[in-house]
Amino acid sequence: MSSSAALPLTGSASARGFTLLEMMIVAGILSVLLGLGIGFLGRGSGLSEARSAIAGQLRSAALHARMTCLPTEVRITPSENGENAVVSAHGLQPIAVWSFEPDQRQIDSAMDAILGGVELANGRYGKARTCLPGERLALLRVPLPPVVADLSSGFAIRFDLKLTTRHAGMLMSLSQGLTVELDGDAMPRMRMKTTGGSALVIQLQAKESLPVGRWCTFEIAADGKEVWLSVDGRVLDRATCTDAILQTDSDQLEVGSSAEQVDGAFDEVQLMAYVYADRMELPSGVLPLAALRVFFDVDGNPIAPPKIELRIAAEDRTETLLVGQGGVLQ
């Protein structure tokens, strides 16, 4: 993949570095240790504990953004109905990776894929697959009901693609909820049905063709604010979308559909879902003055971060926290 794509999750660790899952575990441990370290600096007003919780969630979100090359956020919610204020990060969780290697198995056997097409020895990261003319089977098909992969808070589907010619075809689909196809000029277009009140349909249309004759990394993602298409980390089209994708118990993910075959090869399909980390309560004596959302870009840096203003009841004053590069509190 390009430098802006996420690190592969499969293959030899010695040859390809740490996996995304391993790095996300490390990020979680670091955020906890950071929070504990700050929390022991002082007690009494609750400010140190509040800084600990907020700093840990910010750092975790920033690290997740850098490792997945996808935006993340942290939400701070004031107290409601007498309960403590809370802070929670919104980041990516790896669900599955299908690398087209022989005898590959998922941790959850329900997500073992049925493969079609024909194997190619020289893929981007080992084996790849290409469609077999006339075959009525997608290159990759796997059941994907909500109980297996809950995509309601956002998702990312990423795969590597090498087109042979510019040709219309279906790149992937998720039953009723999502279809992504190429037109005759190899320009991607997407149709996503959401759970909005009137079964809202979001449509995206790229204004440029995917490359021919070389590998690229194609991505479809939604983060609860927007949905977008990108290639090699460059956004092709995007739209506002605050509703969840439509999912049903009979959903199946198909990549490289046999109905409208793409003239090219596919390698390593990654599926990730946005999830909220465990909500961390702030001390009862620390009161955020407003609900806040701190957004991080794909490099893990905050986007126009708001000032975090905390009312310290024990000292009858307001403390202002600033979010710096990498989510570090100032």
Protein backbone atom coordinates (compact mmCIF):
# COMPACT_ATOMS: atom_id res chain seq x y z
CA MET A 1 0.00 0.00 0.00
CA SER A 2 0.97 3.65 -0.20
CA SER A 3 2.51 5.44 2.74
CA SER A 4 -0.95 6.71 3.72
CA ALA A 5 -2.51 3.26 3.92
CA ALA A 6 -2.79 1.18 7.05
CA LEU A 7 -0.19 -1.46 7.71
CA PRO A 8 -1.19 -4.96 6.57
CA LEU A 9 -2.53 -7.23 9.24
CA THR A 10 -1.33 -10.52 7.91
CA GLY A 11 1.88 -12.13 6.73
CA SER A 12 5.28 -12.51 8.30
CA ALA A 13 5.84 -10.16 11.22
CA SER A 14 9.57 -10.14 10.60
CA ALA A 15 9.04 -9.10 6.98
CA ARG A 16 6.15 -6.68 7.44
CA GLY A 17 6.46 -5.17 10.91
CA PHE A 18 3.87 -5.11 13.65
CA THR A 19 0.26 -5.82 12.75
CA LEU A 20 -2.39 -3.15 13.13
CA LEU A 21 -4.04 -5.11 15.94
CA GLU A 22 -0.74 -5.36 17.86
CA MET A 23 -0.14 -1.63 17.54
CA MET A 24 -3.69 -0.79 18.65
CA ILE A 25 -3.20 -2.93 21.76
CA VAL A 26 0.04 -1.07 22.48
CA ALA A 27 -1.77 2.24 21.97
CA GLY A 28 -4.42 1.24 24.48
CA ILE A 29 -1.81 0.25 27.06
CA LEU A 30 0.09 3.51 26.55
CA SER A 31 -3.06 5.59 27.00
CA VAL A 32 -3.85 3.80 30.26
CA LEU A 33 -0.29 4.27 31.55
CA LEU A 34 -0.36 7.93 30.56
CA GLY A 35 -3.61 8.39 32.43
CA LEU A 36 -2.28 6.65 35.52
CA GLY A 37 0.89 8.73 35.49
CA ILE A 38 -0.95 12.02 35.32
CA GLY A 39 -3.50 10.84 37.87
CA PHE A 40 -0.85 10.38 40.54
CA LEU A 41 0.45 13.95 40.22
CA GLY A 42 -2.05 15.28 42.71
CA ARG A 43 -5.44 14.80 44.31
CA GLY A 44 -8.04 16.86 46.08
CA SER A 45 -9.84 19.10 43.57
CA GLY A 46 -10.30 16.31 41.04
CA LEU A 47 -8.43 18.25 38.36
CA SER A 48 -5.52 15.78 38.13
CA GLU A 49 -7.88 12.84 37.73
CA ALA A 50 -9.87 14.74 35.08
CA ARG A 51 -6.69 15.60 33.16
CA SER A 52 -5.68 11.94 33.42
CA ALA A 53 -8.90 10.68 31.87
CA ILE A 54 -9.01 13.32 29.13
CA ALA A 55 -5.31 13.00 28.26
CA GLY A 56 -5.53 9.21 27.99
CA GLN A 57 -8.52 9.32 25.64
CA LEU A 58 -6.99 12.06 23.47
CA ARG A 59 -3.70 10.22 23.11
CA SER A 60 -5.46 6.95 22.33
CA ALA A 61 -7.56 8.61 19.60
CA ALA A 62 -4.50 10.29 18.08
CA LEU A 63 -2.54 7.02 17.98
CA HIS A 64 -5.47 5.13 16.47
CA ALA A 65 -5.78 7.76 13.72
CA ARG A 66 -2.10 7.49 12.83
CA MET A 67 -2.08 3.69 12.79
CA THR A 68 -5.25 3.25 10.74
CA CYS A 69 -4.85 6.37 8.54
CA LEU A 70 -8.46 7.20 9.36
CA PRO A 71 -9.91 10.09 11.38
CA THR A 72 -10.95 9.64 15.02
CA GLU A 73 -12.47 11.82 17.72
CA VAL A 74 -12.92 12.26 21.46
CA ARG A 75 -16.19 13.35 23.02
CA ILE A 76 -16.55 15.12 26.36
CA THR A 77 -20.09 15.10 27.70
CA PRO A 78 -21.16 17.28 30.67
CA SER A 79 -22.98 15.72 33.61
CA GLU A 80 -26.61 14.79 33.03
CA ASN A 81 -29.27 13.93 35.61
CA GLY A 82 -26.77 14.23 38.45
CA GLU A 83 -24.29 11.80 36.89
CA ASN A 84 -20.60 12.56 36.40
CA ALA A 85 -19.32 14.05 33.15
CA VAL A 86 -17.67 11.51 30.84
CA VAL A 87 -14.98 11.37 28.16
CA SER A 88 -14.79 8.71 25.45
CA ALA A 89 -12.66 8.12 22.33
CA HIS A 90 -14.17 7.06 19.01
CA GLY A 91 -11.71 4.94 17.05
CA LEU A 92 -11.20 1.90 14.83
CA GLN A 93 -11.34 -1.75 15.77
CA PRO A 94 -10.06 -4.38 13.32
CA ILE A 95 -12.79 -6.90 12.50
CA ALA A 96 -11.18 -9.14 9.89
CA VAL A 97 -8.57 -9.33 7.14
CA TRP A 98 -8.83 -11.67 4.19
CA SER A 99 -5.46 -12.00 2.45
CA PHE A 100 -6.31 -14.76 -0.09
CA GLU A 101 -3.52 -16.91 1.31
CA PRO A 102 -4.11 -20.71 1.32
CA ASP A 103 -6.00 -22.09 4.33
CA GLN A 104 -6.43 -18.69 5.98
CA ARG A 105 -8.77 -18.77 8.98
CA GLN A 106 -10.37 -15.96 10.99
CA ILE A 107 -10.50 -15.86 14.78
CA ASP A 108 -14.29 -16.05 14.44
CA SER A 109 -15.00 -18.99 12.12
CA ALA A 110 -18.28 -17.32 11.13
CA MET A 111 -16.16 -14.89 9.09
CA ASP A 112 -14.22 -17.51 7.13
CA ALA A 113 -14.71 -16.52 3.49
CA ILE A 114 -15.78 -18.51 0.45
CA LEU A 115 -13.34 -17.69 -2.36
CA GLY A 116 -14.05 -17.67 -6.08
CA GLY A 117 -12.11 -16.78 -9.19
CA VAL A 118 -8.57 -17.94 -9.74
CA GLU A 119 -5.46 -17.53 -7.61
CA LEU A 120 -2.60 -15.31 -8.77
CA ALA A 121 0.85 -16.03 -7.37
CA ASN A 122 2.19 -12.50 -7.73
CA GLY A 123 -0.21 -10.33 -5.79
CA ARG A 124 0.71 -7.21 -3.89
CA TYR A 125 1.36 -9.07 -0.63
CA GLY A 126 1.59 -12.68 -1.72
CA LYS A 127 -1.44 -14.34 -3.28
CA ALA A 128 -4.18 -12.40 -5.08
CA ARG A 129 -7.43 -13.31 -6.87
CA THR A 130 -8.92 -12.44 -10.21
CA CYS A 131 -12.32 -13.23 -11.68
CA LEU A 132 -12.80 -16.36 -13.76
CA PRO A 133 -14.93 -15.49 -16.82
CA GLY A 134 -18.36 -17.04 -16.63
CA GLU A 135 -18.05 -18.09 -12.97
CA ARG A 136 -21.08 -17.21 -10.82
CA LEU A 137 -19.18 -16.65 -7.61
CA ALA A 138 -17.67 -13.52 -6.07
CA LEU A 139 -13.93 -13.49 -5.41
CA LEU A 140 -14.70 -13.21 -1.70
CA ARG A 141 -18.03 -13.81 0.00
CA VAL A 142 -18.61 -13.88 3.75
CA PRO A 143 -21.71 -13.59 5.98
CA LEU A 144 -21.69 -10.23 7.77
CA PRO A 145 -24.76 -9.79 10.01
CA PRO A 146 -24.72 -7.05 12.69
CA VAL A 147 -24.06 -9.62 15.43
CA VAL A 148 -20.73 -10.42 13.75
CA ALA A 149 -19.77 -6.89 12.64
CA ASP A 150 -21.71 -3.94 14.04
CA LEU A 151 -21.02 -1.06 11.65
CA SER A 152 -23.57 1.35 13.13
CA SER A 153 -20.93 3.76 14.55
CA GLY A 154 -18.94 3.81 11.30
CA PHE A 155 -16.70 1.49 9.31
CA ALA A 156 -13.87 1.21 6.82
CA ILE A 157 -13.47 -1.37 4.06
CA ARG A 158 -10.08 -1.29 2.37
CA PHE A 159 -8.60 -3.50 -0.33
CA ASP A 160 -5.82 -3.52 -2.91
CA LEU A 161 -6.73 -3.49 -6.57
CA LYS A 162 -4.82 -3.70 -9.85
CA LEU A 163 -6.95 -2.99 -12.92
CA THR A 164 -5.95 -4.53 -16.23
CA THR A 165 -8.22 -2.33 -18.35
CA ARG A 166 -10.81 0.40 -17.80
CA HIS A 167 -13.98 -1.61 -17.65
CA ALA A 168 -17.34 -1.37 -15.86
CA GLY A 169 -17.87 -3.79 -12.99
CA MET A 170 -18.90 -4.31 -9.37
CA LEU A 171 -16.10 -3.79 -6.85
CA MET A 172 -18.01 -4.84 -3.74
CA SER A 173 -21.40 -4.97 -2.05
CA LEU A 174 -22.95 -5.46 1.37
CA SER A 175 -26.41 -6.75 0.48
CA GLN A 176 -28.93 -3.87 0.61
CA GLY A 177 -26.72 -1.46 2.50
CA LEU A 178 -23.78 -0.77 0.20
CA THR A 179 -22.69 -1.16 -3.41
CA VAL A 180 -19.51 0.17 -5.01
CA GLU A 181 -18.96 -0.18 -8.73
CA LEU A 182 -16.89 1.16 -11.62
CA ASP A 183 -18.32 2.81 -14.71
CA GLY A 184 -16.89 2.22 -18.18
CA ASP A 185 -14.08 4.69 -17.49
CA ALA A 186 -13.15 2.95 -14.19
CA MET A 187 -14.54 5.84 -12.13
CA PRO A 188 -15.87 4.52 -8.78
CA ARG A 189 -19.39 5.28 -7.62
CA MET A 190 -21.04 4.27 -4.37
CA ARG A 191 -24.59 3.87 -3.15
CA MET A 192 -25.22 3.47 0.60
CA LYS A 193 -28.61 3.01 2.23
CA THR A 194 -28.88 4.21 5.82
CA THR A 195 -31.25 3.80 8.74
CA GLY A 196 -32.48 7.41 8.41
CA GLY A 197 -36.18 8.06 8.88
CA SER A 198 -36.92 7.81 5.16
CA ALA A 199 -34.39 5.10 4.31
CA LEU A 200 -31.92 7.74 3.17
CA VAL A 201 -29.64 6.83 0.27
CA ILE A 202 -26.19 8.41 0.00
CA GLN A 203 -24.55 8.43 -3.43
CA LEU A 204 -20.95 9.28 -4.29
CA GLN A 205 -19.36 9.60 -7.72
CA ALA A 206 -15.62 9.98 -8.29
CA LYS A 207 -14.49 12.43 -10.97
CA GLU A 208 -11.33 10.51 -11.85
CA SER A 209 -10.52 6.97 -12.93
CA LEU A 210 -8.66 4.41 -10.86
CA PRO A 211 -5.13 3.69 -12.15
CA VAL A 212 -4.57 0.89 -14.66
CA GLY A 213 -1.61 -1.46 -14.62
CA ARG A 214 -0.46 -0.79 -11.06
CA TRP A 215 -1.65 -1.63 -7.55
CA CYS A 216 -3.65 0.93 -5.60
CA THR A 217 -5.41 0.90 -2.23
CA PHE A 218 -9.13 1.58 -2.46
CA GLU A 219 -11.21 2.51 0.58
CA ILE A 220 -14.84 3.09 1.50
CA ALA A 221 -15.38 4.60 4.94
CA ALA A 222 -17.93 6.34 7.17
CA ASP A 223 -17.17 7.81 10.60
CA GLY A 224 -20.57 9.03 11.82
CA LYS A 225 -20.08 12.48 10.26
CA GLU A 226 -19.17 11.75 6.66
CA VAL A 227 -18.88 8.93 4.16
CA TRP A 228 -16.15 8.93 1.52
CA LEU A 229 -14.31 7.06 -1.22
CA SER A 230 -10.52 7.27 -1.46
CA VAL A 231 -7.63 5.78 -3.38
CA ASP A 232 -4.10 5.69 -1.97
CA GLY A 233 -5.23 8.00 0.82
CA ARG A 234 -6.64 10.64 -1.57
CA VAL A 235 -10.37 11.36 -1.19
CA LEU A 236 -12.28 11.00 -4.47
CA ASP A 237 -15.70 12.09 -3.21
CA ARG A 238 -17.39 12.59 0.16
CA ALA A 239 -20.77 13.51 1.63
CA THR A 240 -22.23 14.34 5.01
CA CYS A 241 -23.80 11.29 6.67
CA THR A 242 -24.78 11.08 10.33
CA ASP A 243 -27.03 8.00 10.00
CA ALA A 244 -25.87 4.39 10.32
CA ILE A 245 -25.54 2.07 7.35
CA LEU A 246 -28.48 -0.29 6.90
CA GLN A 247 -27.63 -3.78 8.16
CA THR A 248 -29.74 -6.94 8.21
CA ASP A 249 -29.29 -10.43 9.63
CA SER A 250 -28.91 -11.82 6.10
CA ASP A 251 -26.11 -9.46 5.03
CA GLN A 252 -23.21 -10.82 2.98
CA LEU A 253 -20.04 -8.99 2.05
CA GLU A 254 -18.98 -9.66 -1.52
CA VAL A 255 -15.78 -8.37 -3.12
CA GLY A 256 -15.22 -8.82 -6.85
CA SER A 257 -18.82 -9.64 -7.76
CA SER A 258 -19.43 -12.26 -10.42
CA ALA A 259 -22.51 -10.41 -11.70
CA GLU A 260 -20.44 -7.57 -13.17
CA GLN A 261 -16.83 -8.73 -13.16
CA VAL A 262 -13.99 -6.25 -12.77
CA ASP A 263 -11.08 -6.74 -15.17
CA GLY A 264 -8.27 -6.86 -12.62
CA ALA A 265 -6.85 -8.48 -9.49
CA PHE A 266 -7.76 -8.05 -5.81
CA ASP A 267 -5.53 -8.48 -2.77
CA GLU A 268 -5.93 -8.18 1.02
CA VAL A 269 -9.39 -7.02 2.09
CA GLN A 270 -9.53 -5.24 5.47
CA LEU A 271 -12.67 -4.56 7.49
CA MET A 272 -12.66 -2.18 10.46
CA ALA A 273 -15.48 -0.75 12.57
CA TYR A 274 -15.61 2.47 14.54
CA VAL A 275 -16.34 1.85 18.22
CA TYR A 276 -16.46 3.95 21.36
CA ALA A 277 -13.92 3.18 24.04
CA ASP A 278 -15.19 2.59 27.57
CA ARG A 279 -16.60 5.84 28.93
CA MET A 280 -14.36 7.33 31.61
CA GLU A 281 -16.09 9.36 34.32
CA LEU A 282 -14.64 12.67 35.44
CA PRO A 283 -14.68 13.46 39.19
CA SER A 284 -17.98 14.91 40.40
CA GLY A 285 -16.27 18.19 41.30
CA VAL A 286 -15.02 18.78 37.74
CA LEU A 287 -17.68 20.14 35.41
CA PRO A 288 -17.07 20.69 31.66
CA LEU A 289 -18.76 23.94 30.64
CA ALA A 290 -19.98 22.49 27.33
CA ALA A 291 -20.18 19.29 25.30
CA LEU A 292 -17.07 19.05 23.13
CA ARG A 293 -15.77 16.94 20.24
CA VAL A 294 -12.06 16.90 19.44
CA PHE A 295 -11.40 15.60 15.93
CA PHE A 296 -8.12 14.09 14.73
CA ASP A 297 -6.95 13.86 11.13
CA VAL A 298 -5.31 10.81 9.56
CA ASP A 299 -1.91 11.92 10.89
CA GLY A 300 -3.22 11.94 14.48
CA ASN A 301 -3.24 15.72 14.82
CA PRO A 302 -6.22 17.69 16.15
CA ILE A 303 -8.37 19.61 13.67
CA ALA A 304 -9.12 23.13 15.00
CA PRO A 305 -9.40 21.74 18.55
CA PRO A 306 -11.72 23.61 20.92
CA LYS A 307 -10.59 24.83 24.31
CA ILE A 308 -11.57 22.39 27.04
CA GLU A 309 -12.97 24.48 29.89
CA LEU A 310 -13.48 22.71 33.21
CA ARG A 311 -15.19 24.22 36.23
CA ILE A 312 -13.33 23.17 39.42
CA ALA A 313 -15.98 23.30 42.13
CA ALA A 314 -13.61 22.88 45.10
CA GLU A 315 -11.55 25.90 44.03
CA ASP A 316 -14.37 27.97 42.52
CA ARG A 317 -12.45 28.56 39.29
CA THR A 318 -12.27 27.49 35.66
CA GLU A 319 -9.31 25.59 34.20
CA THR A 320 -8.67 25.76 30.44
CA LEU A 321 -6.91 22.85 28.70
CA LEU A 322 -5.48 23.09 25.18
CA VAL A 323 -5.03 20.13 22.85
CA GLY A 324 -1.69 20.10 21.02
CA GLN A 325 -0.10 18.00 18.29
CA GLY A 326 -0.63 14.29 18.74
CA GLY A 327 -3.42 14.91 21.24
CA VAL A 328 -1.03 16.00 24.00
CA LEU A 329 -2.65 18.29 26.58
CA GLN A 330 -1.02 21.65 27.14
